[in-house]
């Protein structure tokens, strides 16, 4: 993950209102300070930007499903030609209709 002053910044108009505190090892702090200086950012901005980008990447990976070609074909085949409903599925659907009201 490459960081620079041009990387996706945190929202400029959004003020930082909450604080995060953490302790780290001296070698980690030194590496962060060196990287921040190379990126032209202060320690805080660099750390927040890196943590924010990592958080977005983790969230994105958990919200997205990527399929291999063979799995993609099987998935869309199942959508196009679904298996017949089982008695248990039909019963669950009826319970849902009786208990959940749609707007």
PDB file of N, CA and C in Angstrom:
ATOM      1  N   UNK A   1       0.862  -1.172   0.000  1.00  0.00           N
ATOM      2  CA  UNK A   1       0.000   0.000   0.000  1.00  0.00           C
ATOM      3  C   UNK A   1       0.899   1.223   0.000  1.00  0.00           C
ATOM      4  N   UNK A   2       0.907   1.935  -1.071  1.00  0.00           N
ATOM      5  CA  UNK A   2       1.726   3.138  -1.185  1.00  0.00           C
ATOM      6  C   UNK A   2       0.940   4.339  -0.700  1.00  0.00           C
ATOM      7  N   UNK A   3       1.563   5.116   0.117  1.00  0.00           N
ATOM      8  CA  UNK A   3       0.917   6.327   0.628  1.00  0.00           C
ATOM      9  C   UNK A   3       1.674   7.539   0.131  1.00  0.00           C
ATOM     10  N   UNK A   4       0.943   8.560  -0.176  1.00  0.00           N
ATOM     11  CA  UNK A   4       1.564   9.835  -0.526  1.00  0.00           C
ATOM     12  C   UNK A   4       0.596  10.931  -0.153  1.00  0.00           C
ATOM     13  N   UNK A   5       1.037  12.139  -0.289  1.00  0.00           N
ATOM     14  CA  UNK A   5       0.156  13.265   0.013  1.00  0.00           C
ATOM     15  C   UNK A   5      -1.031  13.272  -0.931  1.00  0.00           C
ATOM     16  N   UNK A   6      -0.890  12.615  -2.116  1.00  0.00           N
ATOM     17  CA  UNK A   6      -1.979  12.572  -3.083  1.00  0.00           C
ATOM     18  C   UNK A   6      -2.895  11.370  -2.881  1.00  0.00           C
ATOM     19  N   UNK A   7      -2.586  10.450  -1.979  1.00  0.00           N
ATOM     20  CA  UNK A   7      -3.460   9.305  -1.724  1.00  0.00           C
ATOM     21  C   UNK A   7      -4.806   9.804  -1.262  1.00  0.00           C
ATOM     22  N   UNK A   8      -5.789   8.918  -1.346  1.00  0.00           N
ATOM     23  CA  UNK A   8      -7.135   9.331  -0.960  1.00  0.00           C
ATOM     24  C   UNK A   8      -7.104   9.917   0.447  1.00  0.00           C
ATOM     25  N   UNK A   9      -7.325  11.210   0.555  1.00  0.00           N
ATOM     26  CA  UNK A   9      -7.242  11.847   1.876  1.00  0.00           C
ATOM     27  C   UNK A   9      -8.512  11.600   2.675  1.00  0.00           C
ATOM     28  N   UNK A  10      -8.391  11.783   3.958  1.00  0.00           N
ATOM     29  CA  UNK A  10      -9.585  11.786   4.783  1.00  0.00           C
ATOM     30  C   UNK A  10     -10.378  13.016   4.380  1.00  0.00           C
ATOM     31  N   UNK A  11     -11.670  12.984   4.580  1.00  0.00           N
ATOM     32  CA  UNK A  11     -12.518  14.107   4.176  1.00  0.00           C
ATOM     33  C   UNK A  11     -11.984  15.407   4.764  1.00  0.00           C
ATOM     34  N   UNK A  12     -11.619  16.349   3.896  1.00  0.00           N
ATOM     35  CA  UNK A  12     -11.013  17.601   4.335  1.00  0.00           C
ATOM     36  C   UNK A  12     -11.968  18.420   5.187  1.00  0.00           C
ATOM     37  N   UNK A  13     -13.243  18.442   4.811  1.00  0.00           N
ATOM     38  CA  UNK A  13     -14.200  19.272   5.548  1.00  0.00           C
ATOM     39  C   UNK A  13     -14.688  18.603   6.839  1.00  0.00           C
ATOM     40  N   UNK A  14     -14.328  17.361   7.013  1.00  0.00           N
ATOM     41  CA  UNK A  14     -14.747  16.627   8.203  1.00  0.00           C
ATOM     42  C   UNK A  14     -13.713  16.836   9.304  1.00  0.00           C
ATOM     43  N   UNK A  15     -14.143  17.398  10.413  1.00  0.00           N
ATOM     44  CA  UNK A  15     -13.224  17.644  11.523  1.00  0.00           C
ATOM     45  C   UNK A  15     -13.052  16.400  12.358  1.00  0.00           C
ATOM     46  N   UNK A  16     -11.847  16.197  12.832  1.00  0.00           N
ATOM     47  CA  UNK A  16     -11.585  15.089  13.740  1.00  0.00           C
ATOM     48  C   UNK A  16     -12.110  15.439  15.126  1.00  0.00           C
ATOM     49  N   UNK A  17     -13.123  14.730  15.563  1.00  0.00           N
ATOM     50  CA  UNK A  17     -13.737  15.040  16.852  1.00  0.00           C
ATOM     51  C   UNK A  17     -13.449  13.991  17.914  1.00  0.00           C
ATOM     52  N   UNK A  18     -12.985  12.827  17.498  1.00  0.00           N
ATOM     53  CA  UNK A  18     -12.721  11.769  18.473  1.00  0.00           C
ATOM     54  C   UNK A  18     -11.238  11.429  18.435  1.00  0.00           C
ATOM     55  N   UNK A  19     -10.762  10.922  19.556  1.00  0.00           N
ATOM     56  CA  UNK A  19      -9.348  10.602  19.662  1.00  0.00           C
ATOM     57  C   UNK A  19      -9.165   9.096  19.732  1.00  0.00           C
ATOM     58  N   UNK A  20      -8.046   8.639  19.224  1.00  0.00           N
ATOM     59  CA  UNK A  20      -7.652   7.242  19.353  1.00  0.00           C
ATOM     60  C   UNK A  20      -6.260   7.249  19.979  1.00  0.00           C
ATOM     61  N   UNK A  21      -6.075   6.417  20.952  1.00  0.00           N
ATOM     62  CA  UNK A  21      -4.775   6.334  21.623  1.00  0.00           C
ATOM     63  C   UNK A  21      -4.270   4.901  21.510  1.00  0.00           C
ATOM     64  N   UNK A  22      -2.995   4.747  21.251  1.00  0.00           N
ATOM     65  CA  UNK A  22      -2.412   3.421  21.252  1.00  0.00           C
ATOM     66  C   UNK A  22      -0.933   3.522  21.563  1.00  0.00           C
ATOM     67  N   UNK A  23      -0.411   2.449  22.074  1.00  0.00           N
ATOM     68  CA  UNK A  23       1.017   2.370  22.363  1.00  0.00           C
ATOM     69  C   UNK A  23       1.648   1.459  21.324  1.00  0.00           C
ATOM     70  N   UNK A  24       2.908   1.727  21.027  1.00  0.00           N
ATOM     71  CA  UNK A  24       3.611   0.905  20.054  1.00  0.00           C
ATOM     72  C   UNK A  24       5.063   0.749  20.460  1.00  0.00           C
ATOM     73  N   UNK A  25       5.749  -0.109  19.779  1.00  0.00           N
ATOM     74  CA  UNK A  25       7.174  -0.330  20.045  1.00  0.00           C
ATOM     75  C   UNK A  25       7.978   0.789  19.395  1.00  0.00           C
ATOM     76  N   UNK A  26       9.125   1.123  19.990  1.00  0.00           N
ATOM     77  CA  UNK A  26       9.950   2.205  19.439  1.00  0.00           C
ATOM     78  C   UNK A  26      10.318   2.003  17.966  1.00  0.00           C
ATOM     79  N   UNK A  27      10.611   0.773  17.549  1.00  0.00           N
ATOM     80  CA  UNK A  27      10.998   0.541  16.152  1.00  0.00           C
ATOM     81  C   UNK A  27       9.828   0.803  15.202  1.00  0.00           C
ATOM     82  N   UNK A  28       8.609   0.521  15.650  1.00  0.00           N
ATOM     83  CA  UNK A  28       7.434   0.784  14.819  1.00  0.00           C
ATOM     84  C   UNK A  28       7.216   2.290  14.704  1.00  0.00           C
ATOM     85  N   UNK A  29       7.351   2.999  15.831  1.00  0.00           N
ATOM     86  CA  UNK A  29       7.196   4.448  15.810  1.00  0.00           C
ATOM     87  C   UNK A  29       8.227   5.087  14.890  1.00  0.00           C
ATOM     88  N   UNK A  30       9.467   4.603  14.956  1.00  0.00           N
ATOM     89  CA  UNK A  30      10.536   5.152  14.112  1.00  0.00           C
ATOM     90  C   UNK A  30      10.226   4.915  12.630  1.00  0.00           C
ATOM     91  N   UNK A  31       9.726   3.740  12.308  1.00  0.00           N
ATOM     92  CA  UNK A  31       9.381   3.440  10.911  1.00  0.00           C
ATOM     93  C   UNK A  31       8.241   4.333  10.433  1.00  0.00           C
ATOM     94  N   UNK A  32       7.243   4.531  11.273  1.00  0.00           N
ATOM     95  CA  UNK A  32       6.116   5.406  10.918  1.00  0.00           C
ATOM     96  C   UNK A  32       6.603   6.834  10.709  1.00  0.00           C
ATOM     97  N   UNK A  33       7.450   7.311  11.615  1.00  0.00           N
ATOM     98  CA  UNK A  33       7.971   8.667  11.477  1.00  0.00           C
ATOM     99  C   UNK A  33       8.786   8.820  10.198  1.00  0.00           C
ATOM    100  N   UNK A  34       9.599   7.828   9.875  1.00  0.00           N
ATOM    101  CA  UNK A  34      10.407   7.899   8.660  1.00  0.00           C
ATOM    102  C   UNK A  34       9.510   7.892   7.417  1.00  0.00           C
ATOM    103  N   UNK A  35       8.545   6.985   7.392  1.00  0.00           N
ATOM    104  CA  UNK A  35       7.637   6.894   6.242  1.00  0.00           C
ATOM    105  C   UNK A  35       6.807   8.166   6.105  1.00  0.00           C
ATOM    106  N   UNK A  36       6.355   8.705   7.227  1.00  0.00           N
ATOM    107  CA  UNK A  36       5.559   9.939   7.192  1.00  0.00           C
ATOM    108  C   UNK A  36       6.382  11.081   6.607  1.00  0.00           C
ATOM    109  N   UNK A  37       7.630  11.188   7.031  1.00  0.00           N
ATOM    110  CA  UNK A  37       8.501  12.242   6.515  1.00  0.00           C
ATOM    111  C   UNK A  37       8.719  12.063   5.011  1.00  0.00           C
ATOM    112  N   UNK A  38       8.918  10.828   4.559  1.00  0.00           N
ATOM    113  CA  UNK A  38       9.110  10.564   3.133  1.00  0.00           C
ATOM    114  C   UNK A  38       7.858  10.887   2.325  1.00  0.00           C
ATOM    115  N   UNK A  39       6.683  10.704   2.947  1.00  0.00           N
ATOM    116  CA  UNK A  39       5.415  10.993   2.273  1.00  0.00           C
ATOM    117  C   UNK A  39       5.018  12.453   2.400  1.00  0.00           C
ATOM    118  N   UNK A  40       5.775  13.216   3.182  1.00  0.00           N
ATOM    119  CA  UNK A  40       5.462  14.637   3.361  1.00  0.00           C
ATOM    120  C   UNK A  40       4.271  14.865   4.275  1.00  0.00           C
ATOM    121  N   UNK A  41       4.048  13.941   5.201  1.00  0.00           N
ATOM    122  CA  UNK A  41       2.926  14.051   6.145  1.00  0.00           C
ATOM    123  C   UNK A  41       3.456  14.035   7.559  1.00  0.00           C
ATOM    124  N   UNK A  42       2.645  14.538   8.486  1.00  0.00           N
ATOM    125  CA  UNK A  42       3.049  14.395   9.887  1.00  0.00           C
ATOM    126  C   UNK A  42       2.657  12.992  10.354  1.00  0.00           C
ATOM    127  N   UNK A  43       3.205  12.584  11.494  1.00  0.00           N
ATOM    128  CA  UNK A  43       2.975  11.222  12.004  1.00  0.00           C
ATOM    129  C   UNK A  43       1.497  10.895  12.119  1.00  0.00           C
ATOM    130  N   UNK A  44       0.756  11.819  12.672  1.00  0.00           N
ATOM    131  CA  UNK A  44      -0.674  11.605  12.907  1.00  0.00           C
ATOM    132  C   UNK A  44      -1.430  11.424  11.603  1.00  0.00           C
ATOM    133  N   UNK A  45      -1.213  12.325  10.644  1.00  0.00           N
ATOM    134  CA  UNK A  45      -1.911  12.246   9.359  1.00  0.00           C
ATOM    135  C   UNK A  45      -1.538  10.959   8.635  1.00  0.00           C
ATOM    136  N   UNK A  46      -0.263  10.602   8.665  1.00  0.00           N
ATOM    137  CA  UNK A  46       0.199   9.385   8.005  1.00  0.00           C
ATOM    138  C   UNK A  46      -0.456   8.154   8.620  1.00  0.00           C
ATOM    139  N   UNK A  47      -0.453   8.087   9.949  1.00  0.00           N
ATOM    140  CA  UNK A  47      -1.017   6.938  10.649  1.00  0.00           C
ATOM    141  C   UNK A  47      -2.513   6.834  10.401  1.00  0.00           C
ATOM    142  N   UNK A  48      -3.213   7.951  10.479  1.00  0.00           N
ATOM    143  CA  UNK A  48      -4.660   7.925  10.249  1.00  0.00           C
ATOM    144  C   UNK A  48      -4.965   7.538   8.811  1.00  0.00           C
ATOM    145  N   UNK A  49      -4.221   8.065   7.854  1.00  0.00           N
ATOM    146  CA  UNK A  49      -4.453   7.749   6.451  1.00  0.00           C
ATOM    147  C   UNK A  49      -4.207   6.261   6.193  1.00  0.00           C
ATOM    148  N   UNK A  50      -3.119   5.733   6.726  1.00  0.00           N
ATOM    149  CA  UNK A  50      -2.804   4.313   6.533  1.00  0.00           C
ATOM    150  C   UNK A  50      -3.850   3.426   7.208  1.00  0.00           C
ATOM    151  N   UNK A  51      -4.253   3.780   8.414  1.00  0.00           N
ATOM    152  CA  UNK A  51      -5.253   2.983   9.123  1.00  0.00           C
ATOM    153  C   UNK A  51      -6.600   3.048   8.410  1.00  0.00           C
ATOM    154  N   UNK A  52      -6.960   4.220   7.915  1.00  0.00           N
ATOM    155  CA  UNK A  52      -8.228   4.393   7.202  1.00  0.00           C
ATOM    156  C   UNK A  52      -8.236   3.581   5.915  1.00  0.00           C
ATOM    157  N   UNK A  53      -7.148   3.628   5.155  1.00  0.00           N
ATOM    158  CA  UNK A  53      -7.069   2.848   3.916  1.00  0.00           C
ATOM    159  C   UNK A  53      -7.125   1.353   4.210  1.00  0.00           C
ATOM    160  N   UNK A  54      -6.438   0.914   5.249  1.00  0.00           N
ATOM    161  CA  UNK A  54      -6.467  -0.499   5.611  1.00  0.00           C
ATOM    162  C   UNK A  54      -7.869  -0.907   6.054  1.00  0.00           C
ATOM    163  N   UNK A  55      -8.534  -0.053   6.825  1.00  0.00           N
ATOM    164  CA  UNK A  55      -9.899  -0.350   7.275  1.00  0.00           C
ATOM    165  C   UNK A  55     -10.842  -0.471   6.091  1.00  0.00           C
ATOM    166  N   UNK A  56     -10.738   0.450   5.140  1.00  0.00           N
ATOM    167  CA  UNK A  56     -11.605   0.388   3.949  1.00  0.00           C
ATOM    168  C   UNK A  56     -11.337  -0.866   3.135  1.00  0.00           C
ATOM    169  N   UNK A  57     -10.079  -1.278   3.025  1.00  0.00           N
ATOM    170  CA  UNK A  57      -9.735  -2.485   2.268  1.00  0.00           C
ATOM    171  C   UNK A  57     -10.320  -3.730   2.932  1.00  0.00           C
ATOM    172  N   UNK A  58     -10.226  -3.811   4.258  1.00  0.00           N
ATOM    173  CA  UNK A  58     -10.771  -4.965   4.983  1.00  0.00           C
ATOM    174  C   UNK A  58     -12.289  -5.001   4.843  1.00  0.00           C
ATOM    175  N   UNK A  59     -12.939  -3.864   5.020  1.00  0.00           N
ATOM    176  CA  UNK A  59     -14.398  -3.795   4.887  1.00  0.00           C
ATOM    177  C   UNK A  59     -14.811  -4.191   3.472  1.00  0.00           C
ATOM    178  N   UNK A  60     -14.124  -3.660   2.479  1.00  0.00           N
ATOM    179  CA  UNK A  60     -14.433  -3.966   1.084  1.00  0.00           C
ATOM    180  C   UNK A  60     -14.286  -5.459   0.801  1.00  0.00           C
ATOM    181  N   UNK A  61     -13.217  -6.052   1.298  1.00  0.00           N
ATOM    182  CA  UNK A  61     -12.985  -7.484   1.072  1.00  0.00           C
ATOM    183  C   UNK A  61     -14.079  -8.335   1.701  1.00  0.00           C
ATOM    184  N   UNK A  62     -14.629  -7.881   2.823  1.00  0.00           N
ATOM    185  CA  UNK A  62     -15.680  -8.643   3.494  1.00  0.00           C
ATOM    186  C   UNK A  62     -17.059  -8.380   2.914  1.00  0.00           C
ATOM    187  N   UNK A  63     -17.219  -7.310   2.168  1.00  0.00           N
ATOM    188  CA  UNK A  63     -18.516  -6.979   1.573  1.00  0.00           C
ATOM    189  C   UNK A  63     -18.619  -7.450   0.129  1.00  0.00           C
ATOM    190  N   UNK A  64     -17.555  -7.960  -0.416  1.00  0.00           N
ATOM    191  CA  UNK A  64     -17.530  -8.354  -1.829  1.00  0.00           C
ATOM    192  C   UNK A  64     -17.185  -9.835  -1.923  1.00  0.00           C
ATOM    193  N   UNK A  65     -17.820 -10.500  -2.872  1.00  0.00           N
ATOM    194  CA  UNK A  65     -17.519 -11.895  -3.135  1.00  0.00           C
ATOM    195  C   UNK A  65     -16.976 -11.998  -4.554  1.00  0.00           C
ATOM    196  N   UNK A  66     -15.825 -12.595  -4.694  1.00  0.00           N
ATOM    197  CA  UNK A  66     -15.246 -12.799  -6.013  1.00  0.00           C
ATOM    198  C   UNK A  66     -15.232 -14.289  -6.302  1.00  0.00           C
ATOM    199  N   UNK A  67     -15.695 -14.653  -7.478  1.00  0.00           N
ATOM    200  CA  UNK A  67     -15.785 -16.052  -7.857  1.00  0.00           C
ATOM    201  C   UNK A  67     -14.811 -16.375  -8.984  1.00  0.00           C
ATOM    202  N   UNK A  68     -14.264 -17.573  -8.941  1.00  0.00           N
ATOM    203  CA  UNK A  68     -13.496 -18.085 -10.062  1.00  0.00           C
ATOM    204  C   UNK A  68     -14.481 -18.360 -11.198  1.00  0.00           C
ATOM    205  N   UNK A  69     -13.998 -18.487 -12.418  1.00  0.00           N
ATOM    206  CA  UNK A  69     -14.877 -18.666 -13.579  1.00  0.00           C
ATOM    207  C   UNK A  69     -15.818 -19.861 -13.411  1.00  0.00           C
ATOM    208  N   UNK A  70     -15.296 -20.974 -12.938  1.00  0.00           N
ATOM    209  CA  UNK A  70     -16.137 -22.164 -12.785  1.00  0.00           C
ATOM    210  C   UNK A  70     -17.229 -21.928 -11.741  1.00  0.00           C
ATOM    211  N   UNK A  71     -16.895 -21.241 -10.657  1.00  0.00           N
ATOM    212  CA  UNK A  71     -17.874 -20.934  -9.617  1.00  0.00           C
ATOM    213  C   UNK A  71     -18.883 -19.907 -10.119  1.00  0.00           C
ATOM    214  N   UNK A  72     -18.416 -18.961 -10.903  1.00  0.00           N
ATOM    215  CA  UNK A  72     -19.284 -17.941 -11.486  1.00  0.00           C
ATOM    216  C   UNK A  72     -20.347 -18.615 -12.350  1.00  0.00           C
ATOM    217  N   UNK A  73     -19.929 -19.543 -13.193  1.00  0.00           N
ATOM    218  CA  UNK A  73     -20.860 -20.255 -14.067  1.00  0.00           C
ATOM    219  C   UNK A  73     -21.880 -21.051 -13.254  1.00  0.00           C
ATOM    220  N   UNK A  74     -21.425 -21.739 -12.226  1.00  0.00           N
ATOM    221  CA  UNK A  74     -22.327 -22.538 -11.394  1.00  0.00           C
ATOM    222  C   UNK A  74     -23.323 -21.640 -10.668  1.00  0.00           C
ATOM    223  N   UNK A  75     -22.869 -20.500 -10.174  1.00  0.00           N
ATOM    224  CA  UNK A  75     -23.736 -19.574  -9.444  1.00  0.00           C
ATOM    225  C   UNK A  75     -24.857 -19.061 -10.352  1.00  0.00           C
ATOM    226  N   UNK A  76     -24.486 -18.574 -11.545  1.00  0.00           N
ATOM    227  CA  UNK A  76     -25.506 -18.022 -12.441  1.00  0.00           C
ATOM    228  C   UNK A  76     -26.405 -19.107 -13.029  1.00  0.00           C
ATOM    229  N   UNK A  77     -25.883 -20.312 -13.165  1.00  0.00           N
ATOM    230  CA  UNK A  77     -26.716 -21.438 -13.594  1.00  0.00           C
ATOM    231  C   UNK A  77     -27.792 -21.709 -12.545  1.00  0.00           C
ATOM    232  N   UNK A  78     -27.393 -21.695 -11.299  1.00  0.00           N
ATOM    233  CA  UNK A  78     -28.348 -21.932 -10.211  1.00  0.00           C
ATOM    234  C   UNK A  78     -29.395 -20.831 -10.153  1.00  0.00           C
ATOM    235  N   UNK A  79     -29.018 -19.606 -10.468  1.00  0.00           N
ATOM    236  CA  UNK A  79     -29.996 -18.513 -10.489  1.00  0.00           C
ATOM    237  C   UNK A  79     -30.976 -18.669 -11.651  1.00  0.00           C
ATOM    238  N   UNK A  80     -30.461 -19.083 -12.796  1.00  0.00           N
ATOM    239  CA  UNK A  80     -31.301 -19.231 -13.979  1.00  0.00           C
ATOM    240  C   UNK A  80     -32.206 -20.452 -13.911  1.00  0.00           C
ATOM    241  N   UNK A  81     -31.736 -21.523 -13.279  1.00  0.00           N
ATOM    242  CA  UNK A  81     -32.510 -22.755 -13.168  1.00  0.00           C
ATOM    243  C   UNK A  81     -32.458 -23.235 -11.725  1.00  0.00           C
ATOM    244  N   UNK A  82     -33.211 -22.576 -10.849  1.00  0.00           N
ATOM    245  CA  UNK A  82     -33.148 -22.950  -9.431  1.00  0.00           C
ATOM    246  C   UNK A  82     -33.742 -24.341  -9.194  1.00  0.00           C
ATOM    247  N   UNK A  83     -33.247 -24.977  -8.174  1.00  0.00           N
ATOM    248  CA  UNK A  83     -33.797 -26.280  -7.778  1.00  0.00           C
ATOM    249  C   UNK A  83     -35.213 -26.061  -7.248  1.00  0.00           C
ATOM    250  N   UNK A  84     -36.078 -27.070  -7.365  1.00  0.00           N
ATOM    251  CA  UNK A  84     -37.433 -26.921  -6.841  1.00  0.00           C
ATOM    252  C   UNK A  84     -37.400 -26.708  -5.319  1.00  0.00           C
ATOM    253  N   UNK A  85     -38.365 -25.955  -4.836  1.00  0.00           N
ATOM    254  CA  UNK A  85     -38.434 -25.669  -3.400  1.00  0.00           C
ATOM    255  C   UNK A  85     -38.731 -26.950  -2.626  1.00  0.00           C
ATOM    256  N   UNK A  86     -38.036 -27.109  -1.518  1.00  0.00           N
ATOM    257  CA  UNK A  86     -38.305 -28.251  -0.639  1.00  0.00           C
ATOM    258  C   UNK A  86     -39.498 -27.915   0.242  1.00  0.00           C
ATOM    259  N   UNK A  87     -40.035 -28.926   0.903  1.00  0.00           N
ATOM    260  CA  UNK A  87     -41.168 -28.706   1.816  1.00  0.00           C
ATOM    261  C   UNK A  87     -40.760 -27.741   2.933  1.00  0.00           C
ATOM    262  N   UNK A  88     -39.533 -27.873   3.417  1.00  0.00           N
ATOM    263  CA  UNK A  88     -39.054 -26.995   4.493  1.00  0.00           C
ATOM    264  C   UNK A  88     -38.965 -25.553   4.010  1.00  0.00           C
ATOM    265  N   UNK A  89     -38.489 -25.336   2.784  1.00  0.00           N
ATOM    266  CA  UNK A  89     -38.401 -23.982   2.257  1.00  0.00           C
ATOM    267  C   UNK A  89     -39.794 -23.390   2.063  1.00  0.00           C
ATOM    268  N   UNK A  90     -40.719 -24.171   1.539  1.00  0.00           N
ATOM    269  CA  UNK A  90     -42.097 -23.691   1.352  1.00  0.00           C
ATOM    270  C   UNK A  90     -42.726 -23.314   2.685  1.00  0.00           C
ATOM    271  N   UNK A  91     -42.504 -24.140   3.703  1.00  0.00           N
ATOM    272  CA  UNK A  91     -43.048 -23.852   5.034  1.00  0.00           C
ATOM    273  C   UNK A  91     -42.426 -22.578   5.604  1.00  0.00           C
ATOM    274  N   UNK A  92     -41.129 -22.412   5.416  1.00  0.00           N
ATOM    275  CA  UNK A  92     -40.451 -21.204   5.910  1.00  0.00           C
ATOM    276  C   UNK A  92     -40.986 -19.970   5.198  1.00  0.00           C
ATOM    277  N   UNK A  93     -41.232 -20.066   3.907  1.00  0.00           N
ATOM    278  CA  UNK A  93     -41.772 -18.943   3.153  1.00  0.00           C
ATOM    279  C   UNK A  93     -43.168 -18.570   3.656  1.00  0.00           C
ATOM    280  N   UNK A  94     -43.999 -19.566   3.941  1.00  0.00           N
ATOM    281  CA  UNK A  94     -45.347 -19.297   4.467  1.00  0.00           C
ATOM    282  C   UNK A  94     -45.262 -18.634   5.840  1.00  0.00           C
ATOM    283  N   UNK A  95     -44.340 -19.130   6.696  1.00  0.00           N
ATOM    284  CA  UNK A  95     -44.174 -18.508   8.030  1.00  0.00           C
ATOM    285  C   UNK A  95     -43.740 -17.053   7.860  1.00  0.00           C
ATOM    286  N   UNK A  96     -42.841 -16.810   6.935  1.00  0.00           N
ATOM    287  CA  UNK A  96     -42.366 -15.448   6.678  1.00  0.00           C
ATOM    288  C   UNK A  96     -43.526 -14.566   6.249  1.00  0.00           C
ATOM    289  N   UNK A  97     -44.356 -15.047   5.332  1.00  0.00           N
ATOM    290  CA  UNK A  97     -45.493 -14.254   4.848  1.00  0.00           C
ATOM    291  C   UNK A  97     -46.460 -13.943   5.990  1.00  0.00           C
ATOM    292  N   UNK A  98     -46.621 -14.863   6.910  1.00  0.00           N
ATOM    293  CA  UNK A  98     -47.559 -14.682   8.024  1.00  0.00           C
ATOM    294  C   UNK A  98     -47.011 -13.791   9.139  1.00  0.00           C
ATOM    295  N   UNK A  99     -45.693 -13.664   9.224  1.00  0.00           N
ATOM    296  CA  UNK A  99     -45.109 -12.925  10.360  1.00  0.00           C
ATOM    297  C   UNK A  99     -44.462 -11.599   9.983  1.00  0.00           C
ATOM    298  N   UNK A 100     -44.105 -11.413   8.719  1.00  0.00           N
ATOM    299  CA  UNK A 100     -43.399 -10.195   8.316  1.00  0.00           C
ATOM    300  C   UNK A 100     -44.312  -9.381   7.399  1.00  0.00           C
ATOM    301  N   UNK A 101     -44.470  -8.105   7.764  1.00  0.00           N
ATOM    302  CA  UNK A 101     -45.270  -7.254   6.901  1.00  0.00           C
ATOM    303  C   UNK A 101     -44.344  -6.372   6.067  1.00  0.00           C
ATOM    304  N   UNK A 102     -44.625  -6.301   4.785  1.00  0.00           N
ATOM    305  CA  UNK A 102     -43.831  -5.468   3.884  1.00  0.00           C
ATOM    306  C   UNK A 102     -44.504  -4.125   3.702  1.00  0.00           C
ATOM    307  N   UNK A 103     -43.726  -3.102   3.531  1.00  0.00           N
ATOM    308  CA  UNK A 103     -44.280  -1.762   3.339  1.00  0.00           C
ATOM    309  C   UNK A 103     -44.694  -1.555   1.910  1.00  0.00           C
TER     310      UNK A 103
END
